[in-house]
Amino acid sequence: PTRAELRALIQQHGAELSSQLQAH
């Protein structure tokens, strides 16, 4: 993965986890 892809993946996972925790 490139640096940009890694950053985007981390941001995506953070947003998804936050969303699921809020739903929980």
PDBML (XML) file of the C-alpha atoms, coordinates in Angstrom:
<?xml version="1.0" encoding="UTF-8" ?>
<PDBx:datablock datablockName="MODEL"
   xmlns:PDBx="http://pdbml.pdb.org/schema/pdbx-v50.xsd"
   xmlns:xsi="http://www.w3.org/2001/XMLSchema-instance"
   xsi:schemaLocation="http://pdbml.pdb.org/schema/pdbx-v50.xsd pdbx-v50.xsd">
   <PDBx:atom_siteCategory>
      <PDBx:atom_site id="1">
         <PDBx:B_iso_or_equiv>0.00</PDBx:B_iso_or_equiv>
         <PDBx:Cartn_x>0.000</PDBx:Cartn_x>
         <PDBx:Cartn_y>0.000</PDBx:Cartn_y>
         <PDBx:Cartn_z>0.000</PDBx:Cartn_z>
         <PDBx:auth_asym_id>A</PDBx:auth_asym_id>
         <PDBx:auth_atom_id>CA</PDBx:auth_atom_id>
         <PDBx:auth_comp_id>PRO</PDBx:auth_comp_id>
         <PDBx:auth_seq_id>1</PDBx:auth_seq_id>
         <PDBx:group_PDB>ATOM</PDBx:group_PDB>
         <PDBx:label_alt_id xsi:nil="true" />
         <PDBx:label_asym_id>A</PDBx:label_asym_id>
         <PDBx:label_atom_id>CA</PDBx:label_atom_id>
         <PDBx:label_comp_id>PRO</PDBx:label_comp_id>
         <PDBx:label_entity_id>1</PDBx:label_entity_id>
         <PDBx:label_seq_id>1</PDBx:label_seq_id>
         <PDBx:occupancy>1.00</PDBx:occupancy>
         <PDBx:pdbx_PDB_model_num>1</PDBx:pdbx_PDB_model_num>
         <PDBx:type_symbol>C</PDBx:type_symbol>
      </PDBx:atom_site>
      <PDBx:atom_site id="2">
         <PDBx:B_iso_or_equiv>0.00</PDBx:B_iso_or_equiv>
         <PDBx:Cartn_x>1.091</PDBx:Cartn_x>
         <PDBx:Cartn_y>3.537</PDBx:Cartn_y>
         <PDBx:Cartn_z>-0.647</PDBx:Cartn_z>
         <PDBx:auth_asym_id>A</PDBx:auth_asym_id>
         <PDBx:auth_atom_id>CA</PDBx:auth_atom_id>
         <PDBx:auth_comp_id>THR</PDBx:auth_comp_id>
         <PDBx:auth_seq_id>2</PDBx:auth_seq_id>
         <PDBx:group_PDB>ATOM</PDBx:group_PDB>
         <PDBx:label_alt_id xsi:nil="true" />
         <PDBx:label_asym_id>A</PDBx:label_asym_id>
         <PDBx:label_atom_id>CA</PDBx:label_atom_id>
         <PDBx:label_comp_id>THR</PDBx:label_comp_id>
         <PDBx:label_entity_id>1</PDBx:label_entity_id>
         <PDBx:label_seq_id>2</PDBx:label_seq_id>
         <PDBx:occupancy>1.00</PDBx:occupancy>
         <PDBx:pdbx_PDB_model_num>1</PDBx:pdbx_PDB_model_num>
         <PDBx:type_symbol>C</PDBx:type_symbol>
      </PDBx:atom_site>
      <PDBx:atom_site id="3">
         <PDBx:B_iso_or_equiv>0.00</PDBx:B_iso_or_equiv>
         <PDBx:Cartn_x>1.180</PDBx:Cartn_x>
         <PDBx:Cartn_y>6.068</PDBx:Cartn_y>
         <PDBx:Cartn_z>2.180</PDBx:Cartn_z>
         <PDBx:auth_asym_id>A</PDBx:auth_asym_id>
         <PDBx:auth_atom_id>CA</PDBx:auth_atom_id>
         <PDBx:auth_comp_id>ARG</PDBx:auth_comp_id>
         <PDBx:auth_seq_id>3</PDBx:auth_seq_id>
         <PDBx:group_PDB>ATOM</PDBx:group_PDB>
         <PDBx:label_alt_id xsi:nil="true" />
         <PDBx:label_asym_id>A</PDBx:label_asym_id>
         <PDBx:label_atom_id>CA</PDBx:label_atom_id>
         <PDBx:label_comp_id>ARG</PDBx:label_comp_id>
         <PDBx:label_entity_id>1</PDBx:label_entity_id>
         <PDBx:label_seq_id>3</PDBx:label_seq_id>
         <PDBx:occupancy>1.00</PDBx:occupancy>
         <PDBx:pdbx_PDB_model_num>1</PDBx:pdbx_PDB_model_num>
         <PDBx:type_symbol>C</PDBx:type_symbol>
      </PDBx:atom_site>
      <PDBx:atom_site id="4">
         <PDBx:B_iso_or_equiv>0.00</PDBx:B_iso_or_equiv>
         <PDBx:Cartn_x>-1.946</PDBx:Cartn_x>
         <PDBx:Cartn_y>7.748</PDBx:Cartn_y>
         <PDBx:Cartn_z>0.864</PDBx:Cartn_z>
         <PDBx:auth_asym_id>A</PDBx:auth_asym_id>
         <PDBx:auth_atom_id>CA</PDBx:auth_atom_id>
         <PDBx:auth_comp_id>ALA</PDBx:auth_comp_id>
         <PDBx:auth_seq_id>4</PDBx:auth_seq_id>
         <PDBx:group_PDB>ATOM</PDBx:group_PDB>
         <PDBx:label_alt_id xsi:nil="true" />
         <PDBx:label_asym_id>A</PDBx:label_asym_id>
         <PDBx:label_atom_id>CA</PDBx:label_atom_id>
         <PDBx:label_comp_id>ALA</PDBx:label_comp_id>
         <PDBx:label_entity_id>1</PDBx:label_entity_id>
         <PDBx:label_seq_id>4</PDBx:label_seq_id>
         <PDBx:occupancy>1.00</PDBx:occupancy>
         <PDBx:pdbx_PDB_model_num>1</PDBx:pdbx_PDB_model_num>
         <PDBx:type_symbol>C</PDBx:type_symbol>
      </PDBx:atom_site>
      <PDBx:atom_site id="5">
         <PDBx:B_iso_or_equiv>0.00</PDBx:B_iso_or_equiv>
         <PDBx:Cartn_x>-3.814</PDBx:Cartn_x>
         <PDBx:Cartn_y>4.415</PDBx:Cartn_y>
         <PDBx:Cartn_z>0.727</PDBx:Cartn_z>
         <PDBx:auth_asym_id>A</PDBx:auth_asym_id>
         <PDBx:auth_atom_id>CA</PDBx:auth_atom_id>
         <PDBx:auth_comp_id>GLU</PDBx:auth_comp_id>
         <PDBx:auth_seq_id>5</PDBx:auth_seq_id>
         <PDBx:group_PDB>ATOM</PDBx:group_PDB>
         <PDBx:label_alt_id xsi:nil="true" />
         <PDBx:label_asym_id>A</PDBx:label_asym_id>
         <PDBx:label_atom_id>CA</PDBx:label_atom_id>
         <PDBx:label_comp_id>GLU</PDBx:label_comp_id>
         <PDBx:label_entity_id>1</PDBx:label_entity_id>
         <PDBx:label_seq_id>5</PDBx:label_seq_id>
         <PDBx:occupancy>1.00</PDBx:occupancy>
         <PDBx:pdbx_PDB_model_num>1</PDBx:pdbx_PDB_model_num>
         <PDBx:type_symbol>C</PDBx:type_symbol>
      </PDBx:atom_site>
      <PDBx:atom_site id="6">
         <PDBx:B_iso_or_equiv>0.00</PDBx:B_iso_or_equiv>
         <PDBx:Cartn_x>-2.754</PDBx:Cartn_x>
         <PDBx:Cartn_y>3.545</PDBx:Cartn_y>
         <PDBx:Cartn_z>4.258</PDBx:Cartn_z>
         <PDBx:auth_asym_id>A</PDBx:auth_asym_id>
         <PDBx:auth_atom_id>CA</PDBx:auth_atom_id>
         <PDBx:auth_comp_id>LEU</PDBx:auth_comp_id>
         <PDBx:auth_seq_id>6</PDBx:auth_seq_id>
         <PDBx:group_PDB>ATOM</PDBx:group_PDB>
         <PDBx:label_alt_id xsi:nil="true" />
         <PDBx:label_asym_id>A</PDBx:label_asym_id>
         <PDBx:label_atom_id>CA</PDBx:label_atom_id>
         <PDBx:label_comp_id>LEU</PDBx:label_comp_id>
         <PDBx:label_entity_id>1</PDBx:label_entity_id>
         <PDBx:label_seq_id>6</PDBx:label_seq_id>
         <PDBx:occupancy>1.00</PDBx:occupancy>
         <PDBx:pdbx_PDB_model_num>1</PDBx:pdbx_PDB_model_num>
         <PDBx:type_symbol>C</PDBx:type_symbol>
      </PDBx:atom_site>
      <PDBx:atom_site id="7">
         <PDBx:B_iso_or_equiv>0.00</PDBx:B_iso_or_equiv>
         <PDBx:Cartn_x>-3.955</PDBx:Cartn_x>
         <PDBx:Cartn_y>6.899</PDBx:Cartn_y>
         <PDBx:Cartn_z>5.545</PDBx:Cartn_z>
         <PDBx:auth_asym_id>A</PDBx:auth_asym_id>
         <PDBx:auth_atom_id>CA</PDBx:auth_atom_id>
         <PDBx:auth_comp_id>ARG</PDBx:auth_comp_id>
         <PDBx:auth_seq_id>7</PDBx:auth_seq_id>
         <PDBx:group_PDB>ATOM</PDBx:group_PDB>
         <PDBx:label_alt_id xsi:nil="true" />
         <PDBx:label_asym_id>A</PDBx:label_asym_id>
         <PDBx:label_atom_id>CA</PDBx:label_atom_id>
         <PDBx:label_comp_id>ARG</PDBx:label_comp_id>
         <PDBx:label_entity_id>1</PDBx:label_entity_id>
         <PDBx:label_seq_id>7</PDBx:label_seq_id>
         <PDBx:occupancy>1.00</PDBx:occupancy>
         <PDBx:pdbx_PDB_model_num>1</PDBx:pdbx_PDB_model_num>
         <PDBx:type_symbol>C</PDBx:type_symbol>
      </PDBx:atom_site>
      <PDBx:atom_site id="8">
         <PDBx:B_iso_or_equiv>0.00</PDBx:B_iso_or_equiv>
         <PDBx:Cartn_x>-7.294</PDBx:Cartn_x>
         <PDBx:Cartn_y>6.475</PDBx:Cartn_y>
         <PDBx:Cartn_z>3.781</PDBx:Cartn_z>
         <PDBx:auth_asym_id>A</PDBx:auth_asym_id>
         <PDBx:auth_atom_id>CA</PDBx:auth_atom_id>
         <PDBx:auth_comp_id>ALA</PDBx:auth_comp_id>
         <PDBx:auth_seq_id>8</PDBx:auth_seq_id>
         <PDBx:group_PDB>ATOM</PDBx:group_PDB>
         <PDBx:label_alt_id xsi:nil="true" />
         <PDBx:label_asym_id>A</PDBx:label_asym_id>
         <PDBx:label_atom_id>CA</PDBx:label_atom_id>
         <PDBx:label_comp_id>ALA</PDBx:label_comp_id>
         <PDBx:label_entity_id>1</PDBx:label_entity_id>
         <PDBx:label_seq_id>8</PDBx:label_seq_id>
         <PDBx:occupancy>1.00</PDBx:occupancy>
         <PDBx:pdbx_PDB_model_num>1</PDBx:pdbx_PDB_model_num>
         <PDBx:type_symbol>C</PDBx:type_symbol>
      </PDBx:atom_site>
      <PDBx:atom_site id="9">
         <PDBx:B_iso_or_equiv>0.00</PDBx:B_iso_or_equiv>
         <PDBx:Cartn_x>-7.670</PDBx:Cartn_x>
         <PDBx:Cartn_y>2.923</PDBx:Cartn_y>
         <PDBx:Cartn_z>5.113</PDBx:Cartn_z>
         <PDBx:auth_asym_id>A</PDBx:auth_asym_id>
         <PDBx:auth_atom_id>CA</PDBx:auth_atom_id>
         <PDBx:auth_comp_id>LEU</PDBx:auth_comp_id>
         <PDBx:auth_seq_id>9</PDBx:auth_seq_id>
         <PDBx:group_PDB>ATOM</PDBx:group_PDB>
         <PDBx:label_alt_id xsi:nil="true" />
         <PDBx:label_asym_id>A</PDBx:label_asym_id>
         <PDBx:label_atom_id>CA</PDBx:label_atom_id>
         <PDBx:label_comp_id>LEU</PDBx:label_comp_id>
         <PDBx:label_entity_id>1</PDBx:label_entity_id>
         <PDBx:label_seq_id>9</PDBx:label_seq_id>
         <PDBx:occupancy>1.00</PDBx:occupancy>
         <PDBx:pdbx_PDB_model_num>1</PDBx:pdbx_PDB_model_num>
         <PDBx:type_symbol>C</PDBx:type_symbol>
      </PDBx:atom_site>
      <PDBx:atom_site id="10">
         <PDBx:B_iso_or_equiv>0.00</PDBx:B_iso_or_equiv>
         <PDBx:Cartn_x>-6.988</PDBx:Cartn_x>
         <PDBx:Cartn_y>4.038</PDBx:Cartn_y>
         <PDBx:Cartn_z>8.688</PDBx:Cartn_z>
         <PDBx:auth_asym_id>A</PDBx:auth_asym_id>
         <PDBx:auth_atom_id>CA</PDBx:auth_atom_id>
         <PDBx:auth_comp_id>ILE</PDBx:auth_comp_id>
         <PDBx:auth_seq_id>10</PDBx:auth_seq_id>
         <PDBx:group_PDB>ATOM</PDBx:group_PDB>
         <PDBx:label_alt_id xsi:nil="true" />
         <PDBx:label_asym_id>A</PDBx:label_asym_id>
         <PDBx:label_atom_id>CA</PDBx:label_atom_id>
         <PDBx:label_comp_id>ILE</PDBx:label_comp_id>
         <PDBx:label_entity_id>1</PDBx:label_entity_id>
         <PDBx:label_seq_id>10</PDBx:label_seq_id>
         <PDBx:occupancy>1.00</PDBx:occupancy>
         <PDBx:pdbx_PDB_model_num>1</PDBx:pdbx_PDB_model_num>
         <PDBx:type_symbol>C</PDBx:type_symbol>
      </PDBx:atom_site>
      <PDBx:atom_site id="11">
         <PDBx:B_iso_or_equiv>0.00</PDBx:B_iso_or_equiv>
         <PDBx:Cartn_x>-9.473</PDBx:Cartn_x>
         <PDBx:Cartn_y>6.904</PDBx:Cartn_y>
         <PDBx:Cartn_z>8.333</PDBx:Cartn_z>
         <PDBx:auth_asym_id>A</PDBx:auth_asym_id>
         <PDBx:auth_atom_id>CA</PDBx:auth_atom_id>
         <PDBx:auth_comp_id>GLN</PDBx:auth_comp_id>
         <PDBx:auth_seq_id>11</PDBx:auth_seq_id>
         <PDBx:group_PDB>ATOM</PDBx:group_PDB>
         <PDBx:label_alt_id xsi:nil="true" />
         <PDBx:label_asym_id>A</PDBx:label_asym_id>
         <PDBx:label_atom_id>CA</PDBx:label_atom_id>
         <PDBx:label_comp_id>GLN</PDBx:label_comp_id>
         <PDBx:label_entity_id>1</PDBx:label_entity_id>
         <PDBx:label_seq_id>11</PDBx:label_seq_id>
         <PDBx:occupancy>1.00</PDBx:occupancy>
         <PDBx:pdbx_PDB_model_num>1</PDBx:pdbx_PDB_model_num>
         <PDBx:type_symbol>C</PDBx:type_symbol>
      </PDBx:atom_site>
      <PDBx:atom_site id="12">
         <PDBx:B_iso_or_equiv>0.00</PDBx:B_iso_or_equiv>
         <PDBx:Cartn_x>-12.062</PDBx:Cartn_x>
         <PDBx:Cartn_y>4.533</PDBx:Cartn_y>
         <PDBx:Cartn_z>6.837</PDBx:Cartn_z>
         <PDBx:auth_asym_id>A</PDBx:auth_asym_id>
         <PDBx:auth_atom_id>CA</PDBx:auth_atom_id>
         <PDBx:auth_comp_id>GLN</PDBx:auth_comp_id>
         <PDBx:auth_seq_id>12</PDBx:auth_seq_id>
         <PDBx:group_PDB>ATOM</PDBx:group_PDB>
         <PDBx:label_alt_id xsi:nil="true" />
         <PDBx:label_asym_id>A</PDBx:label_asym_id>
         <PDBx:label_atom_id>CA</PDBx:label_atom_id>
         <PDBx:label_comp_id>GLN</PDBx:label_comp_id>
         <PDBx:label_entity_id>1</PDBx:label_entity_id>
         <PDBx:label_seq_id>12</PDBx:label_seq_id>
         <PDBx:occupancy>1.00</PDBx:occupancy>
         <PDBx:pdbx_PDB_model_num>1</PDBx:pdbx_PDB_model_num>
         <PDBx:type_symbol>C</PDBx:type_symbol>
      </PDBx:atom_site>
      <PDBx:atom_site id="13">
         <PDBx:B_iso_or_equiv>0.00</PDBx:B_iso_or_equiv>
         <PDBx:Cartn_x>-11.642</PDBx:Cartn_x>
         <PDBx:Cartn_y>1.977</PDBx:Cartn_y>
         <PDBx:Cartn_z>9.611</PDBx:Cartn_z>
         <PDBx:auth_asym_id>A</PDBx:auth_asym_id>
         <PDBx:auth_atom_id>CA</PDBx:auth_atom_id>
         <PDBx:auth_comp_id>HIS</PDBx:auth_comp_id>
         <PDBx:auth_seq_id>13</PDBx:auth_seq_id>
         <PDBx:group_PDB>ATOM</PDBx:group_PDB>
         <PDBx:label_alt_id xsi:nil="true" />
         <PDBx:label_asym_id>A</PDBx:label_asym_id>
         <PDBx:label_atom_id>CA</PDBx:label_atom_id>
         <PDBx:label_comp_id>HIS</PDBx:label_comp_id>
         <PDBx:label_entity_id>1</PDBx:label_entity_id>
         <PDBx:label_seq_id>13</PDBx:label_seq_id>
         <PDBx:occupancy>1.00</PDBx:occupancy>
         <PDBx:pdbx_PDB_model_num>1</PDBx:pdbx_PDB_model_num>
         <PDBx:type_symbol>C</PDBx:type_symbol>
      </PDBx:atom_site>
      <PDBx:atom_site id="14">
         <PDBx:B_iso_or_equiv>0.00</PDBx:B_iso_or_equiv>
         <PDBx:Cartn_x>-11.802</PDBx:Cartn_x>
         <PDBx:Cartn_y>4.692</PDBx:Cartn_y>
         <PDBx:Cartn_z>12.280</PDBx:Cartn_z>
         <PDBx:auth_asym_id>A</PDBx:auth_asym_id>
         <PDBx:auth_atom_id>CA</PDBx:auth_atom_id>
         <PDBx:auth_comp_id>GLY</PDBx:auth_comp_id>
         <PDBx:auth_seq_id>14</PDBx:auth_seq_id>
         <PDBx:group_PDB>ATOM</PDBx:group_PDB>
         <PDBx:label_alt_id xsi:nil="true" />
         <PDBx:label_asym_id>A</PDBx:label_asym_id>
         <PDBx:label_atom_id>CA</PDBx:label_atom_id>
         <PDBx:label_comp_id>GLY</PDBx:label_comp_id>
         <PDBx:label_entity_id>1</PDBx:label_entity_id>
         <PDBx:label_seq_id>14</PDBx:label_seq_id>
         <PDBx:occupancy>1.00</PDBx:occupancy>
         <PDBx:pdbx_PDB_model_num>1</PDBx:pdbx_PDB_model_num>
         <PDBx:type_symbol>C</PDBx:type_symbol>
      </PDBx:atom_site>
      <PDBx:atom_site id="15">
         <PDBx:B_iso_or_equiv>0.00</PDBx:B_iso_or_equiv>
         <PDBx:Cartn_x>-15.032</PDBx:Cartn_x>
         <PDBx:Cartn_y>6.078</PDBx:Cartn_y>
         <PDBx:Cartn_z>10.838</PDBx:Cartn_z>
         <PDBx:auth_asym_id>A</PDBx:auth_asym_id>
         <PDBx:auth_atom_id>CA</PDBx:auth_atom_id>
         <PDBx:auth_comp_id>ALA</PDBx:auth_comp_id>
         <PDBx:auth_seq_id>15</PDBx:auth_seq_id>
         <PDBx:group_PDB>ATOM</PDBx:group_PDB>
         <PDBx:label_alt_id xsi:nil="true" />
         <PDBx:label_asym_id>A</PDBx:label_asym_id>
         <PDBx:label_atom_id>CA</PDBx:label_atom_id>
         <PDBx:label_comp_id>ALA</PDBx:label_comp_id>
         <PDBx:label_entity_id>1</PDBx:label_entity_id>
         <PDBx:label_seq_id>15</PDBx:label_seq_id>
         <PDBx:occupancy>1.00</PDBx:occupancy>
         <PDBx:pdbx_PDB_model_num>1</PDBx:pdbx_PDB_model_num>
         <PDBx:type_symbol>C</PDBx:type_symbol>
      </PDBx:atom_site>
      <PDBx:atom_site id="16">
         <PDBx:B_iso_or_equiv>0.00</PDBx:B_iso_or_equiv>
         <PDBx:Cartn_x>-16.604</PDBx:Cartn_x>
         <PDBx:Cartn_y>2.622</PDBx:Cartn_y>
         <PDBx:Cartn_z>10.489</PDBx:Cartn_z>
         <PDBx:auth_asym_id>A</PDBx:auth_asym_id>
         <PDBx:auth_atom_id>CA</PDBx:auth_atom_id>
         <PDBx:auth_comp_id>GLU</PDBx:auth_comp_id>
         <PDBx:auth_seq_id>16</PDBx:auth_seq_id>
         <PDBx:group_PDB>ATOM</PDBx:group_PDB>
         <PDBx:label_alt_id xsi:nil="true" />
         <PDBx:label_asym_id>A</PDBx:label_asym_id>
         <PDBx:label_atom_id>CA</PDBx:label_atom_id>
         <PDBx:label_comp_id>GLU</PDBx:label_comp_id>
         <PDBx:label_entity_id>1</PDBx:label_entity_id>
         <PDBx:label_seq_id>16</PDBx:label_seq_id>
         <PDBx:occupancy>1.00</PDBx:occupancy>
         <PDBx:pdbx_PDB_model_num>1</PDBx:pdbx_PDB_model_num>
         <PDBx:type_symbol>C</PDBx:type_symbol>
      </PDBx:atom_site>
      <PDBx:atom_site id="17">
         <PDBx:B_iso_or_equiv>0.00</PDBx:B_iso_or_equiv>
         <PDBx:Cartn_x>-15.649</PDBx:Cartn_x>
         <PDBx:Cartn_y>1.590</PDBx:Cartn_y>
         <PDBx:Cartn_z>14.008</PDBx:Cartn_z>
         <PDBx:auth_asym_id>A</PDBx:auth_asym_id>
         <PDBx:auth_atom_id>CA</PDBx:auth_atom_id>
         <PDBx:auth_comp_id>LEU</PDBx:auth_comp_id>
         <PDBx:auth_seq_id>17</PDBx:auth_seq_id>
         <PDBx:group_PDB>ATOM</PDBx:group_PDB>
         <PDBx:label_alt_id xsi:nil="true" />
         <PDBx:label_asym_id>A</PDBx:label_asym_id>
         <PDBx:label_atom_id>CA</PDBx:label_atom_id>
         <PDBx:label_comp_id>LEU</PDBx:label_comp_id>
         <PDBx:label_entity_id>1</PDBx:label_entity_id>
         <PDBx:label_seq_id>17</PDBx:label_seq_id>
         <PDBx:occupancy>1.00</PDBx:occupancy>
         <PDBx:pdbx_PDB_model_num>1</PDBx:pdbx_PDB_model_num>
         <PDBx:type_symbol>C</PDBx:type_symbol>
      </PDBx:atom_site>
      <PDBx:atom_site id="18">
         <PDBx:B_iso_or_equiv>0.00</PDBx:B_iso_or_equiv>
         <PDBx:Cartn_x>-16.969</PDBx:Cartn_x>
         <PDBx:Cartn_y>4.857</PDBx:Cartn_y>
         <PDBx:Cartn_z>15.465</PDBx:Cartn_z>
         <PDBx:auth_asym_id>A</PDBx:auth_asym_id>
         <PDBx:auth_atom_id>CA</PDBx:auth_atom_id>
         <PDBx:auth_comp_id>SER</PDBx:auth_comp_id>
         <PDBx:auth_seq_id>18</PDBx:auth_seq_id>
         <PDBx:group_PDB>ATOM</PDBx:group_PDB>
         <PDBx:label_alt_id xsi:nil="true" />
         <PDBx:label_asym_id>A</PDBx:label_asym_id>
         <PDBx:label_atom_id>CA</PDBx:label_atom_id>
         <PDBx:label_comp_id>SER</PDBx:label_comp_id>
         <PDBx:label_entity_id>1</PDBx:label_entity_id>
         <PDBx:label_seq_id>18</PDBx:label_seq_id>
         <PDBx:occupancy>1.00</PDBx:occupancy>
         <PDBx:pdbx_PDB_model_num>1</PDBx:pdbx_PDB_model_num>
         <PDBx:type_symbol>C</PDBx:type_symbol>
      </PDBx:atom_site>
      <PDBx:atom_site id="19">
         <PDBx:B_iso_or_equiv>0.00</PDBx:B_iso_or_equiv>
         <PDBx:Cartn_x>-20.241</PDBx:Cartn_x>
         <PDBx:Cartn_y>4.434</PDBx:Cartn_y>
         <PDBx:Cartn_z>13.554</PDBx:Cartn_z>
         <PDBx:auth_asym_id>A</PDBx:auth_asym_id>
         <PDBx:auth_atom_id>CA</PDBx:auth_atom_id>
         <PDBx:auth_comp_id>SER</PDBx:auth_comp_id>
         <PDBx:auth_seq_id>19</PDBx:auth_seq_id>
         <PDBx:group_PDB>ATOM</PDBx:group_PDB>
         <PDBx:label_alt_id xsi:nil="true" />
         <PDBx:label_asym_id>A</PDBx:label_asym_id>
         <PDBx:label_atom_id>CA</PDBx:label_atom_id>
         <PDBx:label_comp_id>SER</PDBx:label_comp_id>
         <PDBx:label_entity_id>1</PDBx:label_entity_id>
         <PDBx:label_seq_id>19</PDBx:label_seq_id>
         <PDBx:occupancy>1.00</PDBx:occupancy>
         <PDBx:pdbx_PDB_model_num>1</PDBx:pdbx_PDB_model_num>
         <PDBx:type_symbol>C</PDBx:type_symbol>
      </PDBx:atom_site>
      <PDBx:atom_site id="20">
         <PDBx:B_iso_or_equiv>0.00</PDBx:B_iso_or_equiv>
         <PDBx:Cartn_x>-20.723</PDBx:Cartn_x>
         <PDBx:Cartn_y>0.856</PDBx:Cartn_y>
         <PDBx:Cartn_z>14.743</PDBx:Cartn_z>
         <PDBx:auth_asym_id>A</PDBx:auth_asym_id>
         <PDBx:auth_atom_id>CA</PDBx:auth_atom_id>
         <PDBx:auth_comp_id>GLN</PDBx:auth_comp_id>
         <PDBx:auth_seq_id>20</PDBx:auth_seq_id>
         <PDBx:group_PDB>ATOM</PDBx:group_PDB>
         <PDBx:label_alt_id xsi:nil="true" />
         <PDBx:label_asym_id>A</PDBx:label_asym_id>
         <PDBx:label_atom_id>CA</PDBx:label_atom_id>
         <PDBx:label_comp_id>GLN</PDBx:label_comp_id>
         <PDBx:label_entity_id>1</PDBx:label_entity_id>
         <PDBx:label_seq_id>20</PDBx:label_seq_id>
         <PDBx:occupancy>1.00</PDBx:occupancy>
         <PDBx:pdbx_PDB_model_num>1</PDBx:pdbx_PDB_model_num>
         <PDBx:type_symbol>C</PDBx:type_symbol>
      </PDBx:atom_site>
      <PDBx:atom_site id="21">
         <PDBx:B_iso_or_equiv>0.00</PDBx:B_iso_or_equiv>
         <PDBx:Cartn_x>-19.907</PDBx:Cartn_x>
         <PDBx:Cartn_y>1.754</PDBx:Cartn_y>
         <PDBx:Cartn_z>18.340</PDBx:Cartn_z>
         <PDBx:auth_asym_id>A</PDBx:auth_asym_id>
         <PDBx:auth_atom_id>CA</PDBx:auth_atom_id>
         <PDBx:auth_comp_id>LEU</PDBx:auth_comp_id>
         <PDBx:auth_seq_id>21</PDBx:auth_seq_id>
         <PDBx:group_PDB>ATOM</PDBx:group_PDB>
         <PDBx:label_alt_id xsi:nil="true" />
         <PDBx:label_asym_id>A</PDBx:label_asym_id>
         <PDBx:label_atom_id>CA</PDBx:label_atom_id>
         <PDBx:label_comp_id>LEU</PDBx:label_comp_id>
         <PDBx:label_entity_id>1</PDBx:label_entity_id>
         <PDBx:label_seq_id>21</PDBx:label_seq_id>
         <PDBx:occupancy>1.00</PDBx:occupancy>
         <PDBx:pdbx_PDB_model_num>1</PDBx:pdbx_PDB_model_num>
         <PDBx:type_symbol>C</PDBx:type_symbol>
      </PDBx:atom_site>
      <PDBx:atom_site id="22">
         <PDBx:B_iso_or_equiv>0.00</PDBx:B_iso_or_equiv>
         <PDBx:Cartn_x>-22.467</PDBx:Cartn_x>
         <PDBx:Cartn_y>4.561</PDBx:Cartn_y>
         <PDBx:Cartn_z>18.219</PDBx:Cartn_z>
         <PDBx:auth_asym_id>A</PDBx:auth_asym_id>
         <PDBx:auth_atom_id>CA</PDBx:auth_atom_id>
         <PDBx:auth_comp_id>GLN</PDBx:auth_comp_id>
         <PDBx:auth_seq_id>22</PDBx:auth_seq_id>
         <PDBx:group_PDB>ATOM</PDBx:group_PDB>
         <PDBx:label_alt_id xsi:nil="true" />
         <PDBx:label_asym_id>A</PDBx:label_asym_id>
         <PDBx:label_atom_id>CA</PDBx:label_atom_id>
         <PDBx:label_comp_id>GLN</PDBx:label_comp_id>
         <PDBx:label_entity_id>1</PDBx:label_entity_id>
         <PDBx:label_seq_id>22</PDBx:label_seq_id>
         <PDBx:occupancy>1.00</PDBx:occupancy>
         <PDBx:pdbx_PDB_model_num>1</PDBx:pdbx_PDB_model_num>
         <PDBx:type_symbol>C</PDBx:type_symbol>
      </PDBx:atom_site>
      <PDBx:atom_site id="23">
         <PDBx:B_iso_or_equiv>0.00</PDBx:B_iso_or_equiv>
         <PDBx:Cartn_x>-25.047</PDBx:Cartn_x>
         <PDBx:Cartn_y>2.122</PDBx:Cartn_y>
         <PDBx:Cartn_z>16.840</PDBx:Cartn_z>
         <PDBx:auth_asym_id>A</PDBx:auth_asym_id>
         <PDBx:auth_atom_id>CA</PDBx:auth_atom_id>
         <PDBx:auth_comp_id>ALA</PDBx:auth_comp_id>
         <PDBx:auth_seq_id>23</PDBx:auth_seq_id>
         <PDBx:group_PDB>ATOM</PDBx:group_PDB>
         <PDBx:label_alt_id xsi:nil="true" />
         <PDBx:label_asym_id>A</PDBx:label_asym_id>
         <PDBx:label_atom_id>CA</PDBx:label_atom_id>
         <PDBx:label_comp_id>ALA</PDBx:label_comp_id>
         <PDBx:label_entity_id>1</PDBx:label_entity_id>
         <PDBx:label_seq_id>23</PDBx:label_seq_id>
         <PDBx:occupancy>1.00</PDBx:occupancy>
         <PDBx:pdbx_PDB_model_num>1</PDBx:pdbx_PDB_model_num>
         <PDBx:type_symbol>C</PDBx:type_symbol>
      </PDBx:atom_site>
      <PDBx:atom_site id="24">
         <PDBx:B_iso_or_equiv>0.00</PDBx:B_iso_or_equiv>
         <PDBx:Cartn_x>-24.179</PDBx:Cartn_x>
         <PDBx:Cartn_y>-0.338</PDBx:Cartn_y>
         <PDBx:Cartn_z>19.606</PDBx:Cartn_z>
         <PDBx:auth_asym_id>A</PDBx:auth_asym_id>
         <PDBx:auth_atom_id>CA</PDBx:auth_atom_id>
         <PDBx:auth_comp_id>HIS</PDBx:auth_comp_id>
         <PDBx:auth_seq_id>24</PDBx:auth_seq_id>
         <PDBx:group_PDB>ATOM</PDBx:group_PDB>
         <PDBx:label_alt_id xsi:nil="true" />
         <PDBx:label_asym_id>A</PDBx:label_asym_id>
         <PDBx:label_atom_id>CA</PDBx:label_atom_id>
         <PDBx:label_comp_id>HIS</PDBx:label_comp_id>
         <PDBx:label_entity_id>1</PDBx:label_entity_id>
         <PDBx:label_seq_id>24</PDBx:label_seq_id>
         <PDBx:occupancy>1.00</PDBx:occupancy>
         <PDBx:pdbx_PDB_model_num>1</PDBx:pdbx_PDB_model_num>
         <PDBx:type_symbol>C</PDBx:type_symbol>
      </PDBx:atom_site>
   </PDBx:atom_siteCategory>
</PDBx:datablock>
